[in-house]
Amino acid sequence: MASTISEVQATSFADLPLSEQTQRAIDDQGWKTPTPIQALALPELLDGEDVVGLAQTGSGKTAAFAIPLIESLNRKARGVQALVLVPTRELAAQAAAEISNLSRHAPARPVVLCGGVPIGPQIKALKNRSAAVVVGTPGRILDHLQRGTLRLGSVHYLVLDEADRMLDMGFAPDVGRILSHTPESRQTALFSATMPGVIRGMVKRHMRSPRYLTVESEAPTVDTVEQVYYRVDGRDKTRALRALIDAEDDPLALVFRRTKHGATKLHRQLERDGYKSALLHGGKSQSQRTKTLAGFAHGRSRILVATNGASRGLDIPNVSHVVIYDLPEDAKTYV
């Protein structure tokens, strides 16, 4: 597998070879200058190259793959032309919203395929002639492939977003099976915060001479966030958490645990101790997750206990505390 490190950068959206409709949608956003990952990825993807982008959540990478996706669509063709795989329902919804927003003057109308919601409406949406873009999680995508309700033989643009998180969650076999349903001639964009061996193997097997793009975060955490660590014995962690929360008059705390079991156990303990606590993990249905996040955002629960896998893509204002209950396996999980 040959690969190169790209040195091409875009300094302005106006300099890119974009359709008038896409340029108008970008102008509607008030965007003038691409973010670093957009500056690197857009020229390569618009030129039809495969790309491996190393960038964090919040770097603007969704637009980096969404703009070329929109530009690649043949409005007269039938069948699914673009597929975006993401690890969670929240990220699927966000990616679909970005694609819809950036195609507002020539609507792409992405179909979202995720578990935790009834499959019937998804099957109906896939029968629509305009279902050219599919965004979803590996489990539900594979479900549709096995049912015969989704065909990927006409896909020419494929995105693997948050690839490291997707594989951490055990989706590697599903992703491999899904890719086997797509043409080898497709263009592929892979975005990840880290590059473990399993992803390097996937790149070698499924991508064609990709361009490697790396954006290092100069300030991985926000300057206005005060970072504190406490040395606490494992048996005293819950007591220390209660003391931290009790020190605030009106706390709104996000608490992350590594596993679903650990998150559930902590949530139940906090409930027994009289705290208004909510729980978020991958086993929740979409309606449950939406209700949980809305309740937390509006203050109906003051503590949200979540698994690390649910952390990416959460955007909740006015949070007073973010507590990493279990020591992360790597620094980027912490960030």
Protein backbone atom coordinates (compact mmCIF):
# COMPACT_ATOMS: atom_id res chain seq x y z
CA MET A 1 0.00 0.00 0.00
CA ALA A 2 1.58 3.23 -1.13
CA SER A 3 0.70 6.38 0.75
CA THR A 4 1.72 10.00 0.86
CA ILE A 5 1.60 12.85 3.31
CA SER A 6 -0.34 15.69 1.72
CA GLU A 7 1.11 19.18 1.51
CA VAL A 8 -1.84 20.68 -0.39
CA GLN A 9 -3.88 23.16 1.64
CA ALA A 10 -6.89 25.34 0.91
CA THR A 11 -6.72 28.85 2.31
CA SER A 12 -10.28 29.85 1.44
CA PHE A 13 -13.54 28.09 0.60
CA ALA A 14 -13.88 30.46 -2.36
CA ASP A 15 -10.72 28.97 -3.89
CA LEU A 16 -12.14 25.44 -3.96
CA PRO A 17 -13.82 23.97 -7.07
CA LEU A 18 -17.30 23.86 -5.57
CA SER A 19 -20.73 24.06 -7.15
CA GLU A 20 -22.63 27.30 -6.80
CA GLN A 21 -25.18 25.60 -4.53
CA THR A 22 -22.56 24.27 -2.11
CA GLN A 23 -20.70 27.57 -2.04
CA ARG A 24 -23.95 29.34 -1.17
CA ALA A 25 -24.58 26.90 1.68
CA ILE A 26 -21.08 27.55 3.03
CA ASP A 27 -21.65 31.29 2.74
CA ASP A 28 -24.92 30.86 4.65
CA GLN A 29 -22.85 29.47 7.53
CA GLY A 30 -20.62 32.54 7.48
CA TRP A 31 -17.55 30.37 6.89
CA LYS A 32 -14.64 32.03 5.12
CA THR A 33 -11.52 30.11 6.11
CA PRO A 34 -11.37 26.31 6.39
CA THR A 35 -10.29 24.73 9.66
CA PRO A 36 -6.89 22.96 9.54
CA ILE A 37 -8.36 19.54 8.78
CA GLN A 38 -10.69 21.04 6.17
CA ALA A 39 -7.78 22.90 4.57
CA LEU A 40 -5.91 19.62 4.18
CA ALA A 41 -8.73 17.22 3.38
CA LEU A 42 -10.97 19.20 1.03
CA PRO A 43 -8.51 19.53 -1.90
CA GLU A 44 -7.62 15.83 -1.72
CA LEU A 45 -11.18 14.54 -1.41
CA LEU A 46 -12.48 16.88 -4.10
CA ASP A 47 -9.71 15.51 -6.33
CA GLY A 48 -10.95 11.96 -5.76
CA GLU A 49 -8.15 10.78 -3.47
CA ASP A 50 -8.50 8.42 -0.52
CA VAL A 51 -7.75 10.20 2.76
CA VAL A 52 -6.75 9.16 6.27
CA GLY A 53 -7.33 12.14 8.57
CA LEU A 54 -6.05 12.26 12.13
CA ALA A 55 -8.10 14.90 13.91
CA GLN A 56 -10.11 15.35 17.09
CA THR A 57 -13.85 15.72 17.53
CA GLY A 58 -14.77 19.38 17.04
CA SER A 59 -12.06 19.99 14.43
CA GLY A 60 -14.52 20.52 11.58
CA LYS A 61 -13.94 17.12 10.04
CA THR A 62 -17.64 16.47 9.42
CA ALA A 63 -17.75 19.31 6.91
CA ALA A 64 -14.39 18.10 5.57
CA PHE A 65 -16.00 14.88 4.36
CA ALA A 66 -19.55 16.21 3.86
CA ILE A 67 -18.67 18.86 1.27
CA PRO A 68 -16.90 16.44 -1.13
CA LEU A 69 -19.68 13.90 -0.52
CA ILE A 70 -22.28 16.41 -1.67
CA GLU A 71 -20.16 17.42 -4.66
CA SER A 72 -19.78 13.78 -5.72
CA LEU A 73 -23.50 13.04 -6.03
CA ASN A 74 -25.09 12.37 -9.39
CA ARG A 75 -28.60 13.73 -9.00
CA LYS A 76 -29.90 11.63 -11.90
CA ALA A 77 -28.52 8.30 -10.67
CA ARG A 78 -30.43 5.77 -8.60
CA GLY A 79 -29.21 3.80 -5.61
CA VAL A 80 -27.04 4.64 -2.62
CA GLN A 81 -24.02 6.64 -3.77
CA ALA A 82 -22.46 7.65 -0.44
CA LEU A 83 -22.21 5.81 2.88
CA VAL A 84 -21.07 7.32 6.19
CA LEU A 85 -20.34 4.93 9.07
CA VAL A 86 -20.16 6.31 12.62
CA PRO A 87 -20.02 4.62 16.04
CA THR A 88 -23.06 6.18 17.76
CA ARG A 89 -26.58 7.38 17.08
CA GLU A 90 -25.72 10.90 18.21
CA LEU A 91 -22.87 11.16 15.73
CA ALA A 92 -25.08 9.77 12.97
CA ALA A 93 -27.69 12.44 13.66
CA GLN A 94 -25.04 15.17 13.71
CA ALA A 95 -23.41 14.00 10.47
CA ALA A 96 -26.78 13.77 8.72
CA ALA A 97 -27.70 17.26 9.92
CA GLU A 98 -24.42 18.67 8.60
CA ILE A 99 -24.92 17.00 5.21
CA SER A 100 -28.49 18.34 5.05
CA ASN A 101 -27.34 21.82 6.01
CA LEU A 102 -24.53 21.94 3.47
CA SER A 103 -26.79 20.61 0.70
CA ARG A 104 -29.69 22.93 1.50
CA HIS A 105 -29.68 24.48 -1.99
CA ALA A 106 -29.57 21.04 -3.67
CA PRO A 107 -30.92 18.72 -0.95
CA ALA A 108 -29.14 15.39 -0.46
CA ARG A 109 -31.69 14.12 2.12
CA PRO A 110 -29.51 11.59 3.96
CA VAL A 111 -31.21 8.50 5.36
CA VAL A 112 -30.16 7.72 8.95
CA LEU A 113 -29.92 4.02 9.84
CA CYS A 114 -29.32 3.37 13.55
CA GLY A 115 -30.50 0.83 16.09
CA GLY A 116 -32.80 1.62 18.99
CA VAL A 117 -35.60 2.86 16.73
CA PRO A 118 -38.18 0.98 14.62
CA ILE A 119 -36.76 -0.38 11.39
CA GLY A 120 -39.97 0.03 9.35
CA PRO A 121 -39.62 3.76 8.61
CA GLN A 122 -35.98 3.17 7.64
CA ILE A 123 -36.98 0.51 5.12
CA LYS A 124 -39.57 2.88 3.68
CA ALA A 125 -36.99 5.68 3.40
CA LEU A 126 -34.56 3.39 1.58
CA LYS A 127 -37.19 2.62 -1.05
CA ASN A 128 -37.29 6.31 -1.95
CA ARG A 129 -35.62 7.00 -5.28
CA SER A 130 -33.73 9.96 -3.77
CA ALA A 131 -32.04 7.87 -1.03
CA ALA A 132 -28.54 8.57 -2.36
CA VAL A 133 -26.83 9.14 1.01
CA VAL A 134 -26.92 6.77 3.99
CA VAL A 135 -25.52 7.63 7.43
CA GLY A 136 -25.57 5.02 10.15
CA THR A 137 -24.04 2.74 12.73
CA PRO A 138 -22.47 -0.58 11.68
CA GLY A 139 -24.94 -2.85 13.48
CA ARG A 140 -28.06 -1.43 11.84
CA ILE A 141 -26.37 -1.05 8.44
CA LEU A 142 -25.45 -4.74 8.55
CA ASP A 143 -29.00 -5.60 9.63
CA HIS A 144 -30.37 -3.91 6.50
CA LEU A 145 -27.82 -5.66 4.29
CA GLN A 146 -28.83 -9.03 5.71
CA ARG A 147 -32.52 -8.23 5.21
CA GLY A 148 -31.88 -7.18 1.63
CA THR A 149 -33.36 -3.73 2.28
CA LEU A 150 -30.04 -1.97 1.59
CA ARG A 151 -27.73 -2.43 -1.38
CA LEU A 152 -24.32 -0.82 -1.56
CA GLY A 153 -23.22 -1.87 -5.04
CA SER A 154 -23.46 1.70 -6.35
CA VAL A 155 -21.54 3.38 -3.49
CA HIS A 156 -18.68 5.49 -4.82
CA TYR A 157 -17.94 7.56 -1.66
CA LEU A 158 -17.42 5.95 1.75
CA VAL A 159 -16.63 7.60 5.09
CA LEU A 160 -15.46 5.91 8.29
CA ASP A 161 -15.78 8.58 10.97
CA GLU A 162 -14.41 8.23 14.52
CA ALA A 163 -12.85 4.98 13.29
CA ASP A 164 -10.86 4.30 16.45
CA ARG A 165 -13.94 4.64 18.64
CA MET A 166 -15.96 2.50 16.25
CA LEU A 167 -13.42 -0.32 16.48
CA ASP A 168 -13.03 0.13 20.26
CA MET A 169 -16.74 -0.60 20.54
CA GLY A 170 -16.27 -3.96 18.81
CA PHE A 171 -17.54 -3.04 15.35
CA ALA A 172 -14.45 -4.21 13.41
CA PRO A 173 -16.06 -7.43 12.05
CA ASP A 174 -19.25 -5.57 11.08
CA VAL A 175 -17.27 -2.83 9.32
CA GLY A 176 -15.32 -5.41 7.35
CA ARG A 177 -18.51 -7.16 6.24
CA ILE A 178 -20.10 -3.85 5.23
CA LEU A 179 -17.08 -2.81 3.17
CA SER A 180 -17.21 -6.13 1.31
CA HIS A 181 -20.60 -5.05 -0.09
CA THR A 182 -19.15 -1.87 -1.65
CA PRO A 183 -17.19 -1.56 -4.92
CA GLU A 184 -13.39 -1.69 -4.64
CA SER A 185 -13.25 1.35 -6.92
CA ARG A 186 -14.95 3.58 -4.36
CA GLN A 187 -13.30 6.63 -2.78
CA THR A 188 -12.74 6.21 0.98
CA ALA A 189 -12.19 8.78 3.73
CA LEU A 190 -11.23 7.60 7.22
CA PHE A 191 -11.10 9.96 10.18
CA SER A 192 -9.75 9.00 13.58
CA ALA A 193 -8.27 10.60 16.68
CA THR A 194 -5.66 7.83 17.00
CA MET A 195 -4.04 5.28 14.69
CA PRO A 196 -3.87 1.89 16.44
CA GLY A 197 -2.68 -1.19 14.60
CA VAL A 198 -6.18 -2.43 13.79
CA ILE A 199 -6.89 0.78 11.87
CA ARG A 200 -3.58 0.61 10.02
CA GLY A 201 -4.58 -2.90 8.98
CA MET A 202 -7.96 -1.67 7.78
CA VAL A 203 -6.32 1.11 5.78
CA LYS A 204 -3.97 -1.39 4.14
CA ARG A 205 -6.81 -3.76 3.21
CA HIS A 206 -9.48 -1.34 2.11
CA MET A 207 -7.93 1.93 0.89
CA ARG A 208 -6.06 2.92 -2.27
CA SER A 209 -2.81 4.88 -1.80
CA PRO A 210 -4.39 7.19 0.80
CA ARG A 211 -3.15 10.66 1.63
CA TYR A 212 -2.28 10.92 5.33
CA LEU A 213 -3.41 14.18 6.95
CA THR A 214 -2.53 15.02 10.54
CA VAL A 215 -3.79 17.93 12.59
CA GLU A 216 -2.17 18.25 15.99
CA SER A 217 -4.24 20.08 18.56
CA GLU A 218 -2.16 22.87 20.08
CA ALA A 219 -4.67 23.32 22.90
CA PRO A 220 -6.49 19.98 23.32
CA THR A 221 -8.46 21.31 26.28
CA VAL A 222 -10.20 24.65 26.55
CA ASP A 223 -8.29 27.33 28.46
CA THR A 224 -11.37 28.23 30.49
CA VAL A 225 -11.64 24.70 31.89
CA GLU A 226 -9.98 24.23 35.27
CA GLN A 227 -8.38 20.78 35.41
CA VAL A 228 -7.93 19.09 38.77
CA TYR A 229 -6.98 15.55 39.73
CA TYR A 230 -7.53 13.79 43.03
CA ARG A 231 -5.63 10.75 44.31
CA VAL A 232 -8.33 8.53 45.79
CA ASP A 233 -8.47 4.85 46.71
CA GLY A 234 -10.90 2.88 44.55
CA ARG A 235 -13.27 2.20 47.44
CA ASP A 236 -13.45 5.92 48.24
CA LYS A 237 -14.24 7.17 44.72
CA THR A 238 -18.00 7.42 45.13
CA ARG A 239 -17.63 9.25 48.44
CA ALA A 240 -15.17 11.69 46.82
CA LEU A 241 -17.58 12.25 43.93
CA ARG A 242 -20.41 13.08 46.33
CA ALA A 243 -18.17 15.55 48.18
CA LEU A 244 -17.21 17.23 44.90
CA ILE A 245 -20.85 17.60 43.85
CA ASP A 246 -22.04 18.72 47.29
CA ALA A 247 -19.50 21.56 47.24
CA GLU A 248 -21.52 23.27 44.48
CA ASP A 249 -24.83 25.06 45.01
CA ASP A 250 -26.36 23.94 41.71
CA PRO A 251 -24.08 21.40 40.01
CA LEU A 252 -24.59 19.93 36.55
CA ALA A 253 -22.07 17.10 36.33
CA LEU A 254 -21.04 14.69 33.58
CA VAL A 255 -19.41 11.55 34.99
CA PHE A 256 -17.69 9.12 32.63
CA ARG A 257 -17.01 5.46 33.34
CA ARG A 258 -15.19 2.97 31.15
CA THR A 259 -17.86 0.26 31.05
CA LYS A 260 -21.63 -0.07 30.91
CA HIS A 261 -21.59 -2.17 34.10
CA GLY A 262 -19.56 0.45 35.97
CA ALA A 263 -21.78 3.29 34.79
CA THR A 264 -24.95 1.43 35.79
CA LYS A 265 -23.56 0.57 39.23
CA LEU A 266 -22.54 4.17 39.93
CA HIS A 267 -25.86 5.56 38.70
CA ARG A 268 -27.80 3.24 41.02
CA GLN A 269 -25.60 4.15 43.97
CA LEU A 270 -26.14 7.87 43.37
CA GLU A 271 -29.89 7.33 43.09
CA ARG A 272 -29.88 5.45 46.40
CA ASP A 273 -27.96 8.34 47.95
CA GLY A 274 -30.67 10.79 46.89
CA TYR A 275 -29.03 12.43 43.86
CA LYS A 276 -30.98 13.18 40.68
CA SER A 277 -28.92 10.99 38.37
CA ALA A 278 -29.39 9.82 34.78
CA LEU A 279 -27.65 7.06 32.84
CA LEU A 280 -26.39 6.96 29.24
CA HIS A 281 -24.76 4.00 27.49
CA GLY A 282 -24.91 2.07 24.23
CA GLY A 283 -27.69 -0.22 25.40
CA LYS A 284 -30.25 2.58 25.50
CA SER A 285 -32.81 2.97 22.71
CA GLN A 286 -32.77 6.16 20.67
CA SER A 287 -35.89 7.49 22.39
CA GLN A 288 -34.39 6.74 25.82
CA ARG A 289 -31.12 8.47 24.92
CA THR A 290 -32.92 11.53 23.56
CA LYS A 291 -35.10 11.77 26.67
CA THR A 292 -32.08 11.33 28.98
CA LEU A 293 -30.03 14.04 27.27
CA ALA A 294 -32.98 16.45 27.19
CA GLY A 295 -33.68 15.87 30.88
CA PHE A 296 -30.06 16.54 31.78
CA ALA A 297 -29.79 19.62 29.56
CA HIS A 298 -32.93 21.08 31.17
CA GLY A 299 -31.87 20.27 34.74
CA ARG A 300 -34.34 17.49 35.51
CA SER A 301 -31.32 15.38 36.43
CA ARG A 302 -28.19 17.00 37.87
CA ILE A 303 -25.73 14.16 37.25
CA LEU A 304 -25.34 12.25 33.99
CA VAL A 305 -23.34 9.04 34.29
CA ALA A 306 -22.17 7.89 30.85
CA THR A 307 -19.79 5.40 29.31
CA ASN A 308 -16.69 6.64 27.52
CA GLY A 309 -18.17 5.35 24.28
CA ALA A 310 -21.04 7.81 24.64
CA SER A 311 -18.75 10.79 25.26
CA ARG A 312 -17.94 11.81 21.69
CA GLY A 313 -20.38 14.14 20.07
CA LEU A 314 -22.09 15.26 23.28
CA ASP A 315 -22.70 19.00 23.25
CA ILE A 316 -24.40 20.09 26.49
CA PRO A 317 -24.21 23.71 27.68
CA ASN A 318 -23.65 24.93 31.25
CA VAL A 319 -21.99 21.76 32.56
CA SER A 320 -20.19 22.60 35.82
CA HIS A 321 -18.17 19.39 36.21
CA VAL A 322 -16.79 16.72 33.91
CA VAL A 323 -15.56 13.83 36.04
CA ILE A 324 -13.38 11.08 34.58
CA TYR A 325 -14.20 8.40 37.15
CA ASP A 326 -11.95 5.71 35.66
CA LEU A 327 -8.39 6.43 34.55
CA PRO A 328 -8.47 6.63 30.71
CA GLU A 329 -6.44 4.17 28.67
CA ASP A 330 -4.90 7.00 26.66
CA ALA A 331 -4.64 10.79 26.79
CA LYS A 332 -6.93 11.39 23.81
CA THR A 333 -9.79 9.55 25.48
CA TYR A 334 -9.42 11.98 28.38
CA VAL A 335 -9.47 15.01 26.06
